[in-house]
């Protein structure tokens, strides 16, 4: 299990243990983290699992694929450096301690 911290827009902290076989979105959904809608179920066909990765983690994640880049155009207030679709981040042991913030709303 990998501990991931989700910060809600209001500052509420949700520390979750996510199995390394899931995506970040699946871990958030399984832990009932509010604000992660995941309407497409992880198919990278919407932007409703948008998160802001903590600045110190942004460069440590796998790079965005072109499809994710395209879908982030539909996210609410995307940040060019920190915005990611949580469905596109596979959880691995290297992500132990990752902190992401859920936006105020999803597009």
N, C-alpha and C. Protein backbone atom coordinates (compact mmCIF):
# COMPACT_ATOMS: atom_id res chain seq x y z
N UNK A 1 0.83 -1.18 0.00
CA UNK A 1 0.00 0.00 0.00
C UNK A 1 0.88 1.25 0.00
N UNK A 2 0.40 2.24 -0.71
CA UNK A 2 1.13 3.50 -0.87
C UNK A 2 0.27 4.60 -0.27
N UNK A 3 0.84 5.37 0.66
CA UNK A 3 0.05 6.44 1.26
C UNK A 3 0.07 7.68 0.37
N UNK A 4 -1.15 8.12 0.01
CA UNK A 4 -1.36 9.30 -0.81
C UNK A 4 -2.24 10.25 0.00
N UNK A 5 -1.94 11.54 -0.04
CA UNK A 5 -2.77 12.52 0.63
C UNK A 5 -3.49 13.36 -0.41
N UNK A 6 -4.82 13.38 -0.29
CA UNK A 6 -5.66 14.23 -1.12
C UNK A 6 -6.10 15.41 -0.26
N UNK A 7 -5.92 16.61 -0.76
CA UNK A 7 -6.37 17.81 -0.07
C UNK A 7 -7.59 18.34 -0.81
N UNK A 8 -8.71 18.44 -0.09
CA UNK A 8 -9.90 19.04 -0.68
C UNK A 8 -9.68 20.54 -0.82
N UNK A 9 -10.48 21.16 -1.65
CA UNK A 9 -10.35 22.60 -1.87
C UNK A 9 -10.49 23.39 -0.57
N UNK A 10 -11.28 22.86 0.37
CA UNK A 10 -11.49 23.56 1.65
C UNK A 10 -10.39 23.27 2.67
N UNK A 11 -9.38 22.50 2.26
CA UNK A 11 -8.26 22.20 3.14
C UNK A 11 -8.38 20.90 3.89
N UNK A 12 -9.53 20.21 3.80
CA UNK A 12 -9.68 18.92 4.46
C UNK A 12 -8.71 17.92 3.86
N UNK A 13 -8.04 17.18 4.71
CA UNK A 13 -7.02 16.23 4.29
C UNK A 13 -7.58 14.81 4.33
N UNK A 14 -7.35 14.07 3.25
CA UNK A 14 -7.76 12.67 3.16
C UNK A 14 -6.51 11.84 2.90
N UNK A 15 -6.02 11.18 3.93
CA UNK A 15 -4.87 10.29 3.77
C UNK A 15 -5.42 8.91 3.42
N UNK A 16 -4.95 8.37 2.32
CA UNK A 16 -5.45 7.08 1.86
C UNK A 16 -4.29 6.14 1.59
N UNK A 17 -4.54 4.87 1.79
CA UNK A 17 -3.59 3.83 1.41
C UNK A 17 -4.11 3.20 0.14
N UNK A 18 -3.32 3.29 -0.92
CA UNK A 18 -3.74 2.85 -2.24
C UNK A 18 -2.85 1.69 -2.69
N UNK A 19 -3.46 0.58 -3.12
CA UNK A 19 -2.65 -0.51 -3.65
C UNK A 19 -1.90 -0.07 -4.91
N UNK A 20 -0.69 -0.54 -5.06
CA UNK A 20 0.15 -0.14 -6.19
C UNK A 20 -0.36 -0.66 -7.53
N UNK A 21 -1.43 -1.40 -7.55
CA UNK A 21 -1.99 -1.89 -8.82
C UNK A 21 -3.05 -0.95 -9.39
N UNK A 22 -3.41 0.10 -8.65
CA UNK A 22 -4.48 1.01 -9.07
C UNK A 22 -3.94 2.32 -9.61
N UNK A 23 -4.82 3.08 -10.23
CA UNK A 23 -4.46 4.45 -10.61
C UNK A 23 -4.78 5.35 -9.42
N UNK A 24 -4.25 6.55 -9.46
CA UNK A 24 -4.53 7.52 -8.41
C UNK A 24 -6.04 7.79 -8.33
N UNK A 25 -6.71 7.87 -9.47
CA UNK A 25 -8.16 8.09 -9.50
C UNK A 25 -8.89 6.95 -8.82
N UNK A 26 -8.51 5.72 -9.11
CA UNK A 26 -9.18 4.57 -8.50
C UNK A 26 -9.01 4.58 -6.99
N UNK A 27 -7.82 4.95 -6.53
CA UNK A 27 -7.58 5.04 -5.10
C UNK A 27 -8.45 6.10 -4.45
N UNK A 28 -8.59 7.26 -5.11
CA UNK A 28 -9.43 8.33 -4.59
C UNK A 28 -10.89 7.91 -4.57
N UNK A 29 -11.33 7.30 -5.63
CA UNK A 29 -12.72 6.84 -5.73
C UNK A 29 -13.03 5.80 -4.66
N UNK A 30 -12.12 4.85 -4.47
CA UNK A 30 -12.32 3.80 -3.47
C UNK A 30 -12.35 4.36 -2.05
N UNK A 31 -11.65 5.47 -1.84
CA UNK A 31 -11.60 6.10 -0.52
C UNK A 31 -12.67 7.18 -0.36
N UNK A 32 -13.53 7.32 -1.37
CA UNK A 32 -14.61 8.32 -1.33
C UNK A 32 -14.10 9.74 -1.14
N UNK A 33 -13.00 10.07 -1.80
CA UNK A 33 -12.48 11.43 -1.74
C UNK A 33 -13.44 12.34 -2.52
N UNK A 34 -14.00 13.34 -1.86
CA UNK A 34 -14.94 14.22 -2.57
C UNK A 34 -14.26 15.03 -3.66
N UNK A 35 -15.00 15.23 -4.75
CA UNK A 35 -14.48 16.05 -5.84
C UNK A 35 -13.85 15.26 -6.96
N UNK A 36 -13.59 14.00 -6.77
CA UNK A 36 -13.08 13.15 -7.85
C UNK A 36 -14.30 12.45 -8.44
N UNK A 37 -14.81 12.99 -9.55
CA UNK A 37 -16.04 12.46 -10.13
C UNK A 37 -15.79 11.23 -11.00
N UNK A 38 -14.71 11.25 -11.75
CA UNK A 38 -14.30 10.10 -12.59
C UNK A 38 -15.44 9.60 -13.47
N UNK A 39 -16.08 10.51 -14.16
CA UNK A 39 -17.24 10.16 -14.96
C UNK A 39 -16.96 9.15 -16.06
N UNK A 40 -15.77 9.15 -16.62
CA UNK A 40 -15.47 8.20 -17.70
C UNK A 40 -14.86 6.90 -17.17
N UNK A 41 -14.69 6.81 -15.86
CA UNK A 41 -14.18 5.57 -15.27
C UNK A 41 -12.70 5.31 -15.49
N UNK A 42 -11.97 6.30 -15.92
CA UNK A 42 -10.53 6.13 -16.08
C UNK A 42 -10.08 5.95 -17.51
N UNK A 43 -10.94 6.26 -18.47
CA UNK A 43 -10.62 6.07 -19.88
C UNK A 43 -9.94 7.28 -20.52
N UNK A 44 -9.62 8.29 -19.73
CA UNK A 44 -9.01 9.52 -20.23
C UNK A 44 -9.90 10.16 -21.30
N UNK A 45 -11.22 10.15 -21.02
CA UNK A 45 -12.18 10.71 -21.96
C UNK A 45 -12.95 11.88 -21.36
N UNK A 46 -12.54 12.33 -20.19
CA UNK A 46 -13.15 13.50 -19.56
C UNK A 46 -12.06 14.14 -18.70
N UNK A 47 -12.41 15.15 -17.97
CA UNK A 47 -11.40 15.77 -17.08
C UNK A 47 -11.92 15.84 -15.65
N UNK A 48 -12.82 14.93 -15.28
CA UNK A 48 -13.46 15.01 -13.97
C UNK A 48 -12.69 14.31 -12.86
N UNK A 49 -11.45 13.96 -13.13
CA UNK A 49 -10.58 13.44 -12.07
C UNK A 49 -9.33 14.32 -11.95
N UNK A 50 -9.47 15.55 -12.42
CA UNK A 50 -8.38 16.53 -12.41
C UNK A 50 -7.89 16.79 -10.99
N UNK A 51 -6.58 16.83 -10.81
CA UNK A 51 -5.96 17.18 -9.54
C UNK A 51 -4.77 18.08 -9.81
N UNK A 52 -4.35 18.80 -8.76
CA UNK A 52 -3.12 19.58 -8.79
C UNK A 52 -2.09 18.82 -7.96
N UNK A 53 -1.02 18.42 -8.59
CA UNK A 53 0.05 17.71 -7.90
C UNK A 53 0.90 18.72 -7.15
N UNK A 54 1.28 18.40 -5.92
CA UNK A 54 2.16 19.29 -5.15
C UNK A 54 3.41 19.58 -5.98
N UNK A 55 3.85 20.82 -5.94
CA UNK A 55 4.95 21.28 -6.79
C UNK A 55 6.19 20.39 -6.69
N UNK A 56 6.50 19.94 -5.48
CA UNK A 56 7.70 19.12 -5.31
C UNK A 56 7.57 17.73 -5.93
N UNK A 57 6.36 17.34 -6.31
CA UNK A 57 6.12 16.03 -6.93
C UNK A 57 5.96 16.11 -8.44
N UNK A 58 5.68 17.26 -8.98
CA UNK A 58 5.33 17.38 -10.40
C UNK A 58 6.35 16.74 -11.33
N UNK A 59 7.61 16.99 -11.12
CA UNK A 59 8.65 16.46 -12.00
C UNK A 59 8.94 14.99 -11.73
N UNK A 60 8.46 14.46 -10.64
CA UNK A 60 8.74 13.06 -10.28
C UNK A 60 7.74 12.08 -10.87
N UNK A 61 6.66 12.60 -11.45
CA UNK A 61 5.63 11.74 -12.04
C UNK A 61 5.97 11.43 -13.48
N UNK A 62 5.40 10.34 -14.02
CA UNK A 62 5.59 10.09 -15.45
C UNK A 62 5.03 11.27 -16.25
N UNK A 63 5.63 11.57 -17.38
CA UNK A 63 5.15 12.73 -18.16
C UNK A 63 3.73 12.49 -18.69
N UNK A 64 3.04 13.58 -18.98
CA UNK A 64 1.70 13.50 -19.57
C UNK A 64 1.81 12.96 -20.99
N UNK A 65 0.88 12.09 -21.33
CA UNK A 65 0.75 11.63 -22.71
C UNK A 65 -0.08 12.66 -23.48
N UNK A 66 0.00 12.67 -24.81
CA UNK A 66 -0.77 13.66 -25.59
C UNK A 66 -2.27 13.64 -25.30
N UNK A 67 -2.86 12.48 -25.09
CA UNK A 67 -4.30 12.42 -24.83
C UNK A 67 -4.65 13.12 -23.51
N UNK A 68 -3.81 12.93 -22.49
CA UNK A 68 -4.03 13.62 -21.22
C UNK A 68 -3.90 15.13 -21.41
N UNK A 69 -2.90 15.56 -22.15
CA UNK A 69 -2.72 16.99 -22.44
C UNK A 69 -3.98 17.56 -23.07
N UNK A 70 -4.54 16.84 -24.04
CA UNK A 70 -5.75 17.30 -24.72
C UNK A 70 -6.92 17.41 -23.74
N UNK A 71 -7.10 16.43 -22.88
CA UNK A 71 -8.23 16.44 -21.95
C UNK A 71 -8.08 17.51 -20.88
N UNK A 72 -6.86 17.85 -20.52
CA UNK A 72 -6.65 18.91 -19.53
C UNK A 72 -7.13 20.27 -20.03
N UNK A 73 -7.26 20.41 -21.35
CA UNK A 73 -7.83 21.65 -21.90
C UNK A 73 -9.26 21.87 -21.41
N UNK A 74 -9.93 20.79 -21.01
CA UNK A 74 -11.32 20.87 -20.56
C UNK A 74 -11.44 20.95 -19.03
N UNK A 75 -10.32 20.86 -18.34
CA UNK A 75 -10.33 20.91 -16.86
C UNK A 75 -10.60 22.32 -16.39
N UNK A 76 -11.12 22.41 -15.16
CA UNK A 76 -11.39 23.71 -14.56
C UNK A 76 -10.09 24.29 -14.02
N UNK A 77 -9.72 25.46 -14.51
CA UNK A 77 -8.51 26.18 -14.10
C UNK A 77 -7.26 25.30 -14.07
N UNK A 78 -6.89 24.73 -15.21
CA UNK A 78 -5.69 23.89 -15.23
C UNK A 78 -4.42 24.71 -14.97
N UNK A 79 -3.50 24.09 -14.32
CA UNK A 79 -2.18 24.68 -14.06
C UNK A 79 -1.20 24.00 -15.01
N UNK A 80 -0.46 24.75 -15.81
CA UNK A 80 0.41 24.12 -16.81
C UNK A 80 1.48 23.19 -16.23
N UNK A 81 1.87 23.41 -15.00
CA UNK A 81 2.92 22.59 -14.38
C UNK A 81 2.36 21.49 -13.49
N UNK A 82 1.25 21.75 -12.80
CA UNK A 82 0.81 20.85 -11.73
C UNK A 82 -0.45 20.06 -12.02
N UNK A 83 -1.22 20.43 -13.06
CA UNK A 83 -2.46 19.73 -13.35
C UNK A 83 -2.20 18.36 -13.96
N UNK A 84 -2.93 17.38 -13.44
CA UNK A 84 -2.88 16.03 -13.99
C UNK A 84 -4.28 15.43 -13.91
N UNK A 85 -4.53 14.44 -14.76
CA UNK A 85 -5.71 13.62 -14.62
C UNK A 85 -5.30 12.43 -13.77
N UNK A 86 -5.96 12.27 -12.64
CA UNK A 86 -5.53 11.23 -11.70
C UNK A 86 -5.70 9.83 -12.27
N UNK A 87 -6.55 9.67 -13.30
CA UNK A 87 -6.69 8.35 -13.92
C UNK A 87 -5.45 7.96 -14.71
N UNK A 88 -4.61 8.91 -15.01
CA UNK A 88 -3.42 8.65 -15.82
C UNK A 88 -2.14 8.52 -14.99
N UNK A 89 -2.30 8.45 -13.68
CA UNK A 89 -1.14 8.29 -12.80
C UNK A 89 -1.20 6.93 -12.13
N UNK A 90 -0.38 5.98 -12.59
CA UNK A 90 -0.37 4.68 -11.93
C UNK A 90 0.32 4.79 -10.56
N UNK A 91 -0.30 4.21 -9.56
CA UNK A 91 0.29 4.25 -8.22
C UNK A 91 1.42 3.21 -8.16
N UNK A 92 2.54 3.66 -7.63
CA UNK A 92 3.70 2.78 -7.43
C UNK A 92 4.35 3.15 -6.10
N UNK A 93 5.22 2.31 -5.64
CA UNK A 93 5.90 2.55 -4.37
C UNK A 93 6.65 3.89 -4.38
N UNK A 94 7.08 4.32 -5.55
CA UNK A 94 7.80 5.60 -5.67
C UNK A 94 6.92 6.80 -5.33
N UNK A 95 5.61 6.60 -5.29
CA UNK A 95 4.70 7.70 -4.99
C UNK A 95 4.34 7.80 -3.51
N UNK A 96 4.99 7.02 -2.67
CA UNK A 96 4.73 7.08 -1.23
C UNK A 96 4.86 8.52 -0.74
N UNK A 97 3.78 9.03 -0.14
CA UNK A 97 3.79 10.39 0.39
C UNK A 97 3.30 11.46 -0.57
N UNK A 98 2.89 11.07 -1.78
CA UNK A 98 2.40 12.03 -2.77
C UNK A 98 1.24 12.85 -2.18
N UNK A 99 1.23 14.14 -2.50
CA UNK A 99 0.16 15.03 -2.07
C UNK A 99 -0.43 15.68 -3.32
N UNK A 100 -1.75 15.58 -3.45
CA UNK A 100 -2.46 16.23 -4.56
C UNK A 100 -3.64 17.01 -3.99
N UNK A 101 -4.01 18.07 -4.67
CA UNK A 101 -5.15 18.90 -4.27
C UNK A 101 -6.26 18.74 -5.30
N UNK A 102 -7.46 18.53 -4.81
CA UNK A 102 -8.63 18.43 -5.66
C UNK A 102 -9.12 19.85 -5.93
N UNK A 103 -9.40 20.21 -7.19
CA UNK A 103 -9.84 21.57 -7.47
C UNK A 103 -11.21 21.87 -6.84
N UNK A 104 -11.54 23.15 -6.79
CA UNK A 104 -12.80 23.59 -6.22
C UNK A 104 -13.98 22.91 -6.91
N UNK A 105 -13.86 22.69 -8.20
CA UNK A 105 -14.89 21.97 -8.94
C UNK A 105 -14.25 21.30 -10.14
N UNK A 106 -14.98 20.36 -10.71
CA UNK A 106 -14.54 19.71 -11.94
C UNK A 106 -15.31 20.32 -13.09
N UNK A 107 -14.70 20.36 -14.26
CA UNK A 107 -15.35 20.94 -15.44
C UNK A 107 -16.51 20.09 -15.89
